[in-house]
N, C-alpha and C. Protein backbone atom coordinates (compact mmCIF):
# COMPACT_ATOMS: atom_id res chain seq x y z
N MET A 1 46.38 -40.59 97.86
CA MET A 1 47.68 -40.93 97.29
C MET A 1 47.55 -40.96 95.77
N MET A 2 48.37 -40.17 95.09
CA MET A 2 48.32 -40.05 93.64
C MET A 2 49.30 -41.04 93.01
N MET A 3 48.78 -42.18 92.55
CA MET A 3 49.63 -43.21 91.97
C MET A 3 50.06 -42.85 90.54
N ARG A 4 49.14 -42.34 89.75
CA ARG A 4 49.41 -42.04 88.34
C ARG A 4 49.82 -40.58 88.18
N ASN A 5 50.46 -40.28 87.06
CA ASN A 5 50.82 -38.91 86.74
C ASN A 5 49.55 -38.15 86.37
N LEU A 6 49.34 -37.01 87.01
CA LEU A 6 48.16 -36.21 86.72
C LEU A 6 48.56 -34.75 86.57
N GLY A 7 47.99 -34.10 85.56
CA GLY A 7 48.24 -32.68 85.35
C GLY A 7 49.72 -32.38 85.27
N GLY A 8 50.17 -31.53 86.15
CA GLY A 8 51.57 -31.12 86.16
C GLY A 8 52.40 -31.85 87.21
N ARG A 9 51.92 -33.00 87.69
CA ARG A 9 52.64 -33.70 88.76
C ARG A 9 52.93 -35.15 88.38
N TRP A 10 54.07 -35.61 88.84
CA TRP A 10 54.44 -37.01 88.69
C TRP A 10 53.75 -37.79 89.82
N GLY A 11 53.27 -38.99 89.50
CA GLY A 11 52.65 -39.84 90.51
C GLY A 11 53.70 -40.50 91.38
N TYR A 12 53.25 -41.12 92.47
CA TYR A 12 54.17 -41.76 93.41
C TYR A 12 54.94 -42.91 92.79
N VAL A 13 54.30 -43.66 91.89
CA VAL A 13 55.00 -44.79 91.26
C VAL A 13 56.16 -44.27 90.41
N ALA A 14 55.91 -43.23 89.60
CA ALA A 14 56.97 -42.67 88.76
C ALA A 14 58.11 -42.13 89.62
N LYS A 15 57.76 -41.46 90.73
CA LYS A 15 58.80 -40.92 91.62
C LYS A 15 59.60 -42.05 92.26
N ALA A 16 58.91 -43.10 92.71
CA ALA A 16 59.60 -44.23 93.35
C ALA A 16 60.54 -44.91 92.36
N LEU A 17 60.08 -45.11 91.12
CA LEU A 17 60.94 -45.73 90.11
C LEU A 17 62.13 -44.83 89.79
N HIS A 18 61.89 -43.54 89.67
CA HIS A 18 62.97 -42.59 89.37
C HIS A 18 64.05 -42.63 90.44
N TRP A 19 63.64 -42.48 91.71
CA TRP A 19 64.63 -42.41 92.78
C TRP A 19 65.26 -43.76 93.09
N SER A 20 64.53 -44.85 92.84
CA SER A 20 65.14 -46.18 92.99
C SER A 20 66.25 -46.37 91.97
N ALA A 21 65.96 -45.99 90.72
CA ALA A 21 66.99 -46.09 89.68
C ALA A 21 68.18 -45.21 90.02
N ALA A 22 67.93 -43.99 90.48
CA ALA A 22 69.03 -43.08 90.83
C ALA A 22 69.89 -43.66 91.94
N ALA A 23 69.25 -44.20 92.98
CA ALA A 23 70.01 -44.77 94.11
C ALA A 23 70.83 -45.98 93.66
N LEU A 24 70.24 -46.82 92.82
CA LEU A 24 70.97 -48.00 92.33
C LEU A 24 72.16 -47.59 91.45
N ILE A 25 71.96 -46.59 90.61
CA ILE A 25 73.04 -46.14 89.72
C ILE A 25 74.18 -45.51 90.52
N ILE A 26 73.84 -44.73 91.54
CA ILE A 26 74.89 -44.15 92.38
C ILE A 26 75.64 -45.25 93.13
N THR A 27 74.91 -46.27 93.60
CA THR A 27 75.55 -47.40 94.25
C THR A 27 76.48 -48.12 93.29
N MET A 28 76.02 -48.30 92.04
CA MET A 28 76.86 -48.95 91.02
C MET A 28 78.15 -48.16 90.79
N LEU A 29 78.03 -46.85 90.74
CA LEU A 29 79.21 -46.00 90.54
C LEU A 29 80.21 -46.21 91.67
N GLY A 30 79.73 -46.18 92.91
CA GLY A 30 80.61 -46.40 94.05
C GLY A 30 81.28 -47.77 94.03
N LEU A 31 80.49 -48.80 93.74
CA LEU A 31 81.06 -50.15 93.67
C LEU A 31 82.06 -50.26 92.53
N GLY A 32 81.73 -49.67 91.38
CA GLY A 32 82.62 -49.72 90.23
C GLY A 32 83.96 -49.07 90.53
N LEU A 33 83.93 -47.93 91.20
CA LEU A 33 85.18 -47.26 91.56
C LEU A 33 85.96 -48.08 92.59
N ALA A 34 85.25 -48.70 93.54
CA ALA A 34 85.93 -49.53 94.55
C ALA A 34 86.57 -50.75 93.90
N MET A 35 85.93 -51.31 92.87
CA MET A 35 86.45 -52.52 92.22
C MET A 35 87.79 -52.30 91.54
N VAL A 36 87.95 -51.16 90.91
CA VAL A 36 89.12 -50.96 90.07
C VAL A 36 90.29 -50.31 90.79
N HIS A 37 90.09 -49.89 92.03
CA HIS A 37 91.18 -49.30 92.78
C HIS A 37 91.76 -50.32 93.75
N ASP A 38 93.05 -50.21 93.97
CA ASP A 38 93.72 -51.14 94.87
C ASP A 38 93.20 -50.98 96.29
N GLY A 39 93.49 -51.98 97.09
CA GLY A 39 93.10 -51.91 98.49
C GLY A 39 92.15 -53.02 98.90
N LEU A 40 91.50 -53.63 97.94
CA LEU A 40 90.62 -54.75 98.26
C LEU A 40 91.39 -56.05 98.10
N GLY A 41 91.20 -56.95 99.04
CA GLY A 41 91.77 -58.29 98.89
C GLY A 41 91.04 -59.02 97.78
N SER A 42 91.59 -60.14 97.33
CA SER A 42 90.99 -60.84 96.20
C SER A 42 89.57 -61.31 96.50
N GLY A 43 89.31 -61.78 97.72
CA GLY A 43 87.96 -62.22 98.07
C GLY A 43 86.98 -61.07 98.07
N ALA A 44 87.36 -59.95 98.68
CA ALA A 44 86.48 -58.78 98.74
C ALA A 44 86.27 -58.20 97.34
N LYS A 45 87.32 -58.22 96.53
CA LYS A 45 87.19 -57.70 95.17
C LYS A 45 86.20 -58.55 94.37
N PHE A 46 86.31 -59.90 94.50
CA PHE A 46 85.38 -60.79 93.81
C PHE A 46 83.95 -60.51 94.23
N GLU A 47 83.72 -60.38 95.53
CA GLU A 47 82.37 -60.11 96.05
C GLU A 47 81.85 -58.77 95.56
N THR A 48 82.73 -57.77 95.47
CA THR A 48 82.33 -56.46 94.98
C THR A 48 81.92 -56.53 93.51
N TYR A 49 82.68 -57.28 92.71
CA TYR A 49 82.32 -57.48 91.30
C TYR A 49 80.96 -58.15 91.18
N GLN A 50 80.73 -59.18 91.98
CA GLN A 50 79.46 -59.90 91.93
C GLN A 50 78.29 -58.99 92.31
N LEU A 51 78.47 -58.20 93.35
CA LEU A 51 77.42 -57.28 93.78
C LEU A 51 77.16 -56.23 92.70
N HIS A 52 78.22 -55.73 92.08
CA HIS A 52 78.10 -54.75 91.00
C HIS A 52 77.27 -55.35 89.85
N LYS A 53 77.54 -56.60 89.50
CA LYS A 53 76.79 -57.26 88.43
C LYS A 53 75.33 -57.45 88.82
N GLU A 54 75.09 -57.89 90.04
CA GLU A 54 73.71 -58.10 90.51
C GLU A 54 72.91 -56.80 90.45
N ILE A 55 73.50 -55.73 90.97
CA ILE A 55 72.80 -54.44 91.00
C ILE A 55 72.58 -53.95 89.57
N GLY A 56 73.50 -54.25 88.66
CA GLY A 56 73.31 -53.88 87.26
C GLY A 56 72.03 -54.49 86.68
N PHE A 57 71.74 -55.74 87.06
CA PHE A 57 70.49 -56.34 86.59
C PHE A 57 69.27 -55.72 87.24
N PHE A 58 69.41 -55.28 88.48
CA PHE A 58 68.30 -54.56 89.13
C PHE A 58 68.07 -53.21 88.45
N VAL A 59 69.15 -52.53 88.07
CA VAL A 59 69.00 -51.27 87.33
C VAL A 59 68.26 -51.53 86.02
N LEU A 60 68.65 -52.59 85.32
CA LEU A 60 67.97 -52.95 84.07
C LEU A 60 66.48 -53.19 84.32
N ALA A 61 66.16 -53.94 85.36
CA ALA A 61 64.75 -54.24 85.67
C ALA A 61 63.98 -52.97 86.00
N VAL A 62 64.56 -52.11 86.84
CA VAL A 62 63.87 -50.87 87.22
C VAL A 62 63.68 -49.98 86.01
N MET A 63 64.69 -49.90 85.15
CA MET A 63 64.58 -49.05 83.96
C MET A 63 63.53 -49.59 82.99
N LEU A 64 63.42 -50.91 82.86
CA LEU A 64 62.38 -51.49 82.00
C LEU A 64 60.99 -51.19 82.56
N VAL A 65 60.82 -51.38 83.86
CA VAL A 65 59.53 -51.08 84.49
C VAL A 65 59.22 -49.59 84.36
N ARG A 66 60.24 -48.78 84.55
CA ARG A 66 60.05 -47.33 84.43
C ARG A 66 59.62 -46.94 83.02
N GLY A 67 60.27 -47.55 82.02
CA GLY A 67 59.89 -47.28 80.63
C GLY A 67 58.46 -47.70 80.33
N LEU A 68 58.08 -48.88 80.83
CA LEU A 68 56.70 -49.35 80.64
C LEU A 68 55.71 -48.43 81.35
N TRP A 69 56.06 -47.98 82.55
CA TRP A 69 55.19 -47.08 83.29
C TRP A 69 55.02 -45.76 82.54
N ARG A 70 56.10 -45.27 81.95
CA ARG A 70 56.01 -44.01 81.19
C ARG A 70 55.14 -44.16 79.96
N MET A 71 55.19 -45.36 79.33
CA MET A 71 54.35 -45.58 78.15
C MET A 71 52.87 -45.66 78.55
N ALA A 72 52.60 -46.19 79.75
CA ALA A 72 51.22 -46.34 80.21
C ALA A 72 50.68 -45.06 80.83
N ASN A 73 51.54 -44.15 81.24
CA ASN A 73 51.15 -42.89 81.87
C ASN A 73 51.74 -41.74 81.10
N SER A 74 50.92 -40.78 80.79
CA SER A 74 51.46 -39.61 80.10
C SER A 74 52.33 -38.82 81.08
N SER A 75 53.36 -38.23 80.55
CA SER A 75 54.23 -37.39 81.38
C SER A 75 53.51 -36.10 81.71
N PRO A 76 53.74 -35.56 82.90
CA PRO A 76 53.13 -34.27 83.23
C PRO A 76 53.60 -33.19 82.25
N ALA A 77 52.73 -32.26 82.01
CA ALA A 77 53.09 -31.15 81.12
C ALA A 77 54.18 -30.31 81.78
N PHE A 78 55.04 -29.75 80.95
CA PHE A 78 56.03 -28.82 81.47
C PHE A 78 55.30 -27.58 81.97
N PRO A 79 55.88 -26.87 82.93
CA PRO A 79 55.24 -25.62 83.39
C PRO A 79 55.08 -24.65 82.22
N ALA A 80 53.98 -23.92 82.21
CA ALA A 80 53.69 -23.00 81.11
C ALA A 80 54.78 -21.95 80.95
N ALA A 81 55.42 -21.55 82.04
CA ALA A 81 56.45 -20.51 81.97
C ALA A 81 57.77 -21.03 81.41
N MET A 82 57.89 -22.31 81.22
CA MET A 82 59.15 -22.89 80.73
C MET A 82 59.33 -22.55 79.25
N ARG A 83 60.50 -22.05 78.92
CA ARG A 83 60.79 -21.66 77.54
C ARG A 83 60.95 -22.89 76.65
N PRO A 84 60.68 -22.74 75.35
CA PRO A 84 60.80 -23.89 74.44
C PRO A 84 62.20 -24.54 74.47
N TRP A 85 63.26 -23.74 74.54
CA TRP A 85 64.60 -24.32 74.56
C TRP A 85 64.84 -25.11 75.84
N GLU A 86 64.22 -24.67 76.95
CA GLU A 86 64.36 -25.41 78.21
C GLU A 86 63.66 -26.76 78.10
N ARG A 87 62.50 -26.77 77.46
CA ARG A 87 61.77 -28.03 77.26
C ARG A 87 62.57 -28.98 76.38
N GLN A 88 63.13 -28.45 75.29
CA GLN A 88 63.92 -29.30 74.40
C GLN A 88 65.16 -29.83 75.12
N LEU A 89 65.81 -28.98 75.89
CA LEU A 89 66.99 -29.39 76.63
C LEU A 89 66.65 -30.46 77.67
N ALA A 90 65.53 -30.29 78.37
CA ALA A 90 65.10 -31.28 79.36
C ALA A 90 64.83 -32.63 78.69
N ARG A 91 64.14 -32.61 77.55
CA ARG A 91 63.86 -33.86 76.82
C ARG A 91 65.16 -34.50 76.33
N ALA A 92 66.07 -33.69 75.80
CA ALA A 92 67.34 -34.22 75.29
C ALA A 92 68.18 -34.84 76.41
N PHE A 93 68.28 -34.16 77.56
CA PHE A 93 69.02 -34.70 78.70
C PHE A 93 68.40 -36.03 79.15
N HIS A 94 67.08 -36.06 79.22
CA HIS A 94 66.40 -37.26 79.68
C HIS A 94 66.65 -38.43 78.73
N LEU A 95 66.46 -38.21 77.44
CA LEU A 95 66.70 -39.26 76.45
C LEU A 95 68.17 -39.68 76.45
N GLY A 96 69.07 -38.71 76.53
CA GLY A 96 70.49 -39.02 76.56
C GLY A 96 70.87 -39.87 77.74
N PHE A 97 70.28 -39.60 78.89
CA PHE A 97 70.59 -40.38 80.08
C PHE A 97 70.07 -41.81 79.94
N TYR A 98 68.87 -41.98 79.38
CA TYR A 98 68.35 -43.33 79.13
C TYR A 98 69.28 -44.11 78.19
N ILE A 99 69.74 -43.46 77.15
CA ILE A 99 70.63 -44.13 76.19
C ILE A 99 71.95 -44.51 76.87
N LEU A 100 72.51 -43.61 77.66
CA LEU A 100 73.76 -43.91 78.36
C LEU A 100 73.60 -45.06 79.35
N ILE A 101 72.49 -45.10 80.06
CA ILE A 101 72.27 -46.18 81.03
C ILE A 101 72.15 -47.51 80.29
N ALA A 102 71.37 -47.55 79.21
CA ALA A 102 71.22 -48.79 78.44
C ALA A 102 72.56 -49.25 77.86
N ALA A 103 73.34 -48.32 77.32
CA ALA A 103 74.64 -48.67 76.76
C ALA A 103 75.61 -49.14 77.84
N MET A 104 75.53 -48.55 79.02
CA MET A 104 76.39 -48.95 80.13
C MET A 104 76.08 -50.39 80.54
N ILE A 105 74.79 -50.71 80.66
CA ILE A 105 74.38 -52.06 81.03
C ILE A 105 74.83 -53.06 79.96
N ALA A 106 74.60 -52.73 78.69
CA ALA A 106 74.97 -53.64 77.60
C ALA A 106 76.48 -53.86 77.55
N SER A 107 77.26 -52.79 77.69
CA SER A 107 78.72 -52.95 77.63
C SER A 107 79.23 -53.74 78.84
N GLY A 108 78.63 -53.53 80.01
CA GLY A 108 79.03 -54.28 81.20
C GLY A 108 78.73 -55.76 81.03
N LEU A 109 77.55 -56.08 80.49
CA LEU A 109 77.18 -57.48 80.28
C LEU A 109 78.10 -58.14 79.26
N LEU A 110 78.44 -57.44 78.19
CA LEU A 110 79.37 -58.00 77.20
C LEU A 110 80.76 -58.18 77.80
N MET A 111 81.22 -57.22 78.58
CA MET A 111 82.54 -57.30 79.20
C MET A 111 82.63 -58.51 80.12
N VAL A 112 81.61 -58.70 80.94
CA VAL A 112 81.59 -59.84 81.87
C VAL A 112 81.51 -61.15 81.10
N SER A 113 80.69 -61.19 80.06
CA SER A 113 80.52 -62.42 79.29
C SER A 113 81.80 -62.83 78.57
N ALA A 114 82.58 -61.86 78.10
CA ALA A 114 83.78 -62.15 77.33
C ALA A 114 85.03 -62.32 78.20
N SER A 115 84.87 -62.14 79.50
CA SER A 115 86.00 -62.23 80.43
C SER A 115 86.65 -63.62 80.39
N PRO A 116 87.97 -63.68 80.63
CA PRO A 116 88.62 -65.00 80.70
C PRO A 116 88.18 -65.77 81.96
N LEU A 117 87.56 -65.08 82.90
CA LEU A 117 86.98 -65.72 84.09
C LEU A 117 85.46 -65.63 83.95
N PRO A 118 84.88 -66.51 83.17
CA PRO A 118 83.46 -66.36 82.82
C PRO A 118 82.50 -66.81 83.92
N PHE A 119 82.50 -66.08 85.04
CA PHE A 119 81.58 -66.40 86.12
C PHE A 119 80.20 -65.84 85.78
N PRO A 120 79.17 -66.68 85.79
CA PRO A 120 77.83 -66.14 85.53
C PRO A 120 77.37 -65.28 86.70
N THR A 121 76.37 -64.48 86.46
CA THR A 121 75.83 -63.62 87.51
C THR A 121 74.74 -64.38 88.26
N HIS A 122 74.86 -64.41 89.57
CA HIS A 122 73.87 -65.07 90.43
C HIS A 122 72.98 -64.00 91.04
N LEU A 123 71.69 -64.13 90.80
CA LEU A 123 70.72 -63.19 91.35
C LEU A 123 70.00 -63.83 92.53
N PRO A 124 69.41 -63.01 93.38
CA PRO A 124 68.64 -63.57 94.50
C PRO A 124 67.57 -64.54 93.99
N GLY A 125 67.26 -65.52 94.79
CA GLY A 125 66.27 -66.52 94.41
C GLY A 125 66.87 -67.67 93.63
N GLY A 126 68.19 -67.70 93.51
CA GLY A 126 68.86 -68.79 92.81
C GLY A 126 68.88 -68.67 91.30
N PHE A 127 68.42 -67.54 90.77
CA PHE A 127 68.42 -67.36 89.31
C PHE A 127 69.85 -67.06 88.84
N ILE A 128 70.28 -67.76 87.80
CA ILE A 128 71.62 -67.56 87.24
C ILE A 128 71.48 -66.97 85.84
N VAL A 129 72.17 -65.86 85.60
CA VAL A 129 72.17 -65.23 84.29
C VAL A 129 73.38 -65.75 83.53
N PRO A 130 73.15 -66.51 82.46
CA PRO A 130 74.30 -67.06 81.72
C PRO A 130 75.03 -65.96 80.95
N ASN A 131 76.30 -66.21 80.67
CA ASN A 131 77.07 -65.28 79.86
C ASN A 131 76.61 -65.36 78.41
N LEU A 132 76.74 -64.25 77.70
CA LEU A 132 76.30 -64.18 76.32
C LEU A 132 77.29 -64.83 75.36
N THR A 133 78.57 -64.81 75.73
CA THR A 133 79.62 -65.36 74.87
C THR A 133 80.58 -66.15 75.75
N GLY A 134 81.52 -66.79 75.10
CA GLY A 134 82.62 -67.41 75.83
C GLY A 134 83.74 -66.40 75.97
N PRO A 135 84.83 -66.79 76.62
CA PRO A 135 85.97 -65.88 76.75
C PRO A 135 86.45 -65.37 75.39
N ASN A 136 86.66 -64.05 75.32
CA ASN A 136 87.09 -63.41 74.08
C ASN A 136 87.81 -62.12 74.49
N ALA A 137 89.14 -62.15 74.43
CA ALA A 137 89.95 -61.03 74.92
C ALA A 137 89.66 -59.73 74.15
N LEU A 138 89.49 -59.80 72.84
CA LEU A 138 89.23 -58.60 72.05
C LEU A 138 87.87 -57.99 72.40
N LEU A 139 86.85 -58.82 72.49
CA LEU A 139 85.52 -58.32 72.84
C LEU A 139 85.52 -57.75 74.26
N GLU A 140 86.22 -58.40 75.18
CA GLU A 140 86.30 -57.90 76.54
C GLU A 140 86.97 -56.52 76.57
N ALA A 141 88.08 -56.38 75.84
CA ALA A 141 88.81 -55.10 75.82
C ALA A 141 87.96 -53.99 75.22
N ARG A 142 87.27 -54.29 74.12
CA ARG A 142 86.43 -53.27 73.48
C ARG A 142 85.24 -52.89 74.37
N SER A 143 84.64 -53.88 74.99
CA SER A 143 83.51 -53.61 75.89
C SER A 143 83.96 -52.78 77.08
N LYS A 144 85.14 -53.09 77.60
CA LYS A 144 85.68 -52.34 78.74
C LYS A 144 85.94 -50.88 78.34
N LEU A 145 86.50 -50.68 77.15
CA LEU A 145 86.75 -49.32 76.66
C LEU A 145 85.42 -48.55 76.55
N ILE A 146 84.42 -49.18 75.96
CA ILE A 146 83.11 -48.53 75.82
C ILE A 146 82.52 -48.23 77.19
N HIS A 147 82.63 -49.18 78.11
CA HIS A 147 82.12 -49.00 79.48
C HIS A 147 82.78 -47.78 80.14
N ASN A 148 84.09 -47.66 79.99
CA ASN A 148 84.82 -46.53 80.59
C ASN A 148 84.50 -45.21 79.91
N ILE A 149 84.31 -45.23 78.59
CA ILE A 149 83.94 -44.00 77.88
C ILE A 149 82.56 -43.54 78.33
N ILE A 150 81.63 -44.49 78.45
CA ILE A 150 80.28 -44.14 78.89
C ILE A 150 80.32 -43.59 80.31
N LEU A 151 81.13 -44.20 81.18
CA LEU A 151 81.25 -43.70 82.55
C LEU A 151 81.70 -42.25 82.53
N SER A 152 82.72 -41.95 81.74
CA SER A 152 83.20 -40.57 81.64
C SER A 152 82.12 -39.66 81.09
N THR A 153 81.36 -40.14 80.11
CA THR A 153 80.29 -39.35 79.52
C THR A 153 79.19 -39.08 80.55
N LYS A 154 78.84 -40.10 81.35
CA LYS A 154 77.80 -39.92 82.37
C LYS A 154 78.24 -38.91 83.42
N ILE A 155 79.51 -38.96 83.81
CA ILE A 155 80.00 -37.99 84.79
C ILE A 155 79.95 -36.59 84.17
N GLY A 156 80.37 -36.46 82.92
CA GLY A 156 80.28 -35.18 82.23
C GLY A 156 78.84 -34.72 82.08
N PHE A 157 77.96 -35.64 81.79
CA PHE A 157 76.54 -35.35 81.64
C PHE A 157 75.97 -34.81 82.95
N CYS A 158 76.32 -35.44 84.06
CA CYS A 158 75.86 -34.97 85.38
C CYS A 158 76.41 -33.59 85.69
N CYS A 159 77.66 -33.35 85.34
CA CYS A 159 78.26 -32.03 85.55
C CYS A 159 77.53 -30.97 84.71
N ALA A 160 77.18 -31.33 83.47
CA ALA A 160 76.45 -30.40 82.60
C ALA A 160 75.08 -30.08 83.20
N CYS A 161 74.41 -31.08 83.75
CA CYS A 161 73.11 -30.85 84.40
C CYS A 161 73.27 -29.89 85.57
N CYS A 162 74.27 -30.12 86.40
CA CYS A 162 74.51 -29.23 87.55
C CYS A 162 74.83 -27.81 87.09
N LEU A 163 75.65 -27.68 86.06
CA LEU A 163 75.99 -26.37 85.52
C LEU A 163 74.74 -25.66 85.00
N PHE A 164 73.88 -26.39 84.28
CA PHE A 164 72.64 -25.82 83.76
C PHE A 164 71.76 -25.31 84.90
N ILE A 165 71.63 -26.08 85.96
CA ILE A 165 70.81 -25.68 87.11
C ILE A 165 71.39 -24.43 87.76
N MET A 166 72.71 -24.41 87.96
CA MET A 166 73.33 -23.24 88.60
C MET A 166 73.19 -22.00 87.74
N MET A 167 73.35 -22.14 86.42
CA MET A 167 73.21 -20.98 85.53
C MET A 167 71.79 -20.45 85.56
N THR A 168 70.82 -21.35 85.60
CA THR A 168 69.43 -20.93 85.63
C THR A 168 69.11 -20.20 86.92
N ILE A 169 69.63 -20.71 88.04
CA ILE A 169 69.42 -20.05 89.33
C ILE A 169 70.02 -18.65 89.31
N ALA A 170 71.22 -18.53 88.75
CA ALA A 170 71.93 -17.25 88.76
C ALA A 170 71.33 -16.21 87.82
N HIS A 171 70.72 -16.63 86.70
CA HIS A 171 70.33 -15.68 85.66
C HIS A 171 68.84 -15.58 85.41
N ASP A 172 68.01 -16.17 86.22
CA ASP A 172 66.58 -16.17 85.96
C ASP A 172 65.83 -15.56 87.14
N ASP A 173 64.80 -14.79 86.84
CA ASP A 173 63.98 -14.19 87.90
C ASP A 173 62.84 -15.11 88.33
N LYS A 174 62.62 -16.19 87.58
CA LYS A 174 61.54 -17.12 87.90
C LYS A 174 62.12 -18.32 88.66
N PRO A 175 61.24 -19.11 89.30
CA PRO A 175 61.75 -20.32 89.96
C PRO A 175 62.42 -21.24 88.94
N VAL A 176 63.40 -21.98 89.40
CA VAL A 176 64.11 -22.91 88.53
C VAL A 176 63.26 -24.14 88.32
N ARG A 177 63.08 -24.53 87.07
CA ARG A 177 62.36 -25.75 86.74
C ARG A 177 63.37 -26.69 86.09
N ILE A 178 63.68 -27.77 86.75
CA ILE A 178 64.76 -28.62 86.25
C ILE A 178 64.23 -29.92 85.67
N GLY A 179 63.14 -29.82 84.92
CA GLY A 179 62.61 -30.99 84.25
C GLY A 179 61.71 -31.84 85.14
N MET A 180 61.53 -31.42 86.38
CA MET A 180 60.65 -32.15 87.29
C MET A 180 59.67 -31.14 87.87
N PRO A 181 58.44 -31.10 87.36
CA PRO A 181 57.48 -30.09 87.82
C PRO A 181 57.26 -30.09 89.33
N PHE A 182 57.48 -31.22 90.00
CA PHE A 182 57.28 -31.26 91.44
C PHE A 182 58.44 -30.66 92.21
N LEU A 183 59.53 -30.32 91.52
CA LEU A 183 60.71 -29.78 92.20
C LEU A 183 61.04 -28.41 91.60
N CYS A 184 60.77 -27.37 92.33
CA CYS A 184 61.12 -26.02 91.91
C CYS A 184 62.03 -25.41 92.97
N ILE A 185 63.10 -24.80 92.54
CA ILE A 185 64.02 -24.16 93.45
C ILE A 185 63.85 -22.66 93.26
N PRO A 186 63.52 -21.91 94.31
CA PRO A 186 63.33 -20.48 94.14
C PRO A 186 64.63 -19.80 93.74
N ASN A 187 64.48 -18.69 93.02
CA ASN A 187 65.66 -17.94 92.63
C ASN A 187 66.33 -17.38 93.88
N LEU A 188 67.66 -17.48 93.93
CA LEU A 188 68.40 -17.02 95.07
C LEU A 188 68.96 -15.62 94.89
N LYS A 189 68.65 -15.03 93.72
CA LYS A 189 69.15 -13.69 93.42
C LYS A 189 68.44 -12.67 94.30
N ALA A 190 69.19 -11.79 94.94
CA ALA A 190 68.59 -10.82 95.86
C ALA A 190 68.02 -9.64 95.14
């Protein structure tokens, strides 16, 4: 079992952290969309908000551990056949996604803290995360705007990633390398 990143491969810990973060973020997106659309009763809506906040702290924890793991483990080298612009684009997408996730967590925490209903976040084990501020309508509105802009940016970012992958599949004679050396998609061009 390869725990650490070696050569051109990601280790199992890096993969587990990556996919855990991805699953939590997708869950957050689903909960976030469910929270803001009608159809939930007030009790269910409150519980959905609380779960969304709890999972947000788990995303923060996984991303911090992931960042520490990356600092302790060198990243696998890009495949030799990968063009310099592909490497730069992969690094830029990766960094951009980290920045968007951190900004999303920060804006969500500020929005919750400034809410006129300042319920603290309760985490498993009885740990309570206090709010950063008291109720503040202006700060809440600005944080909510930033949160929604980031959400739109993340959706656009994901669409750009998908478009990049599809274009590479359609126009390249080599296997597609999408920033993960362990995942190569063969060219589908006949």
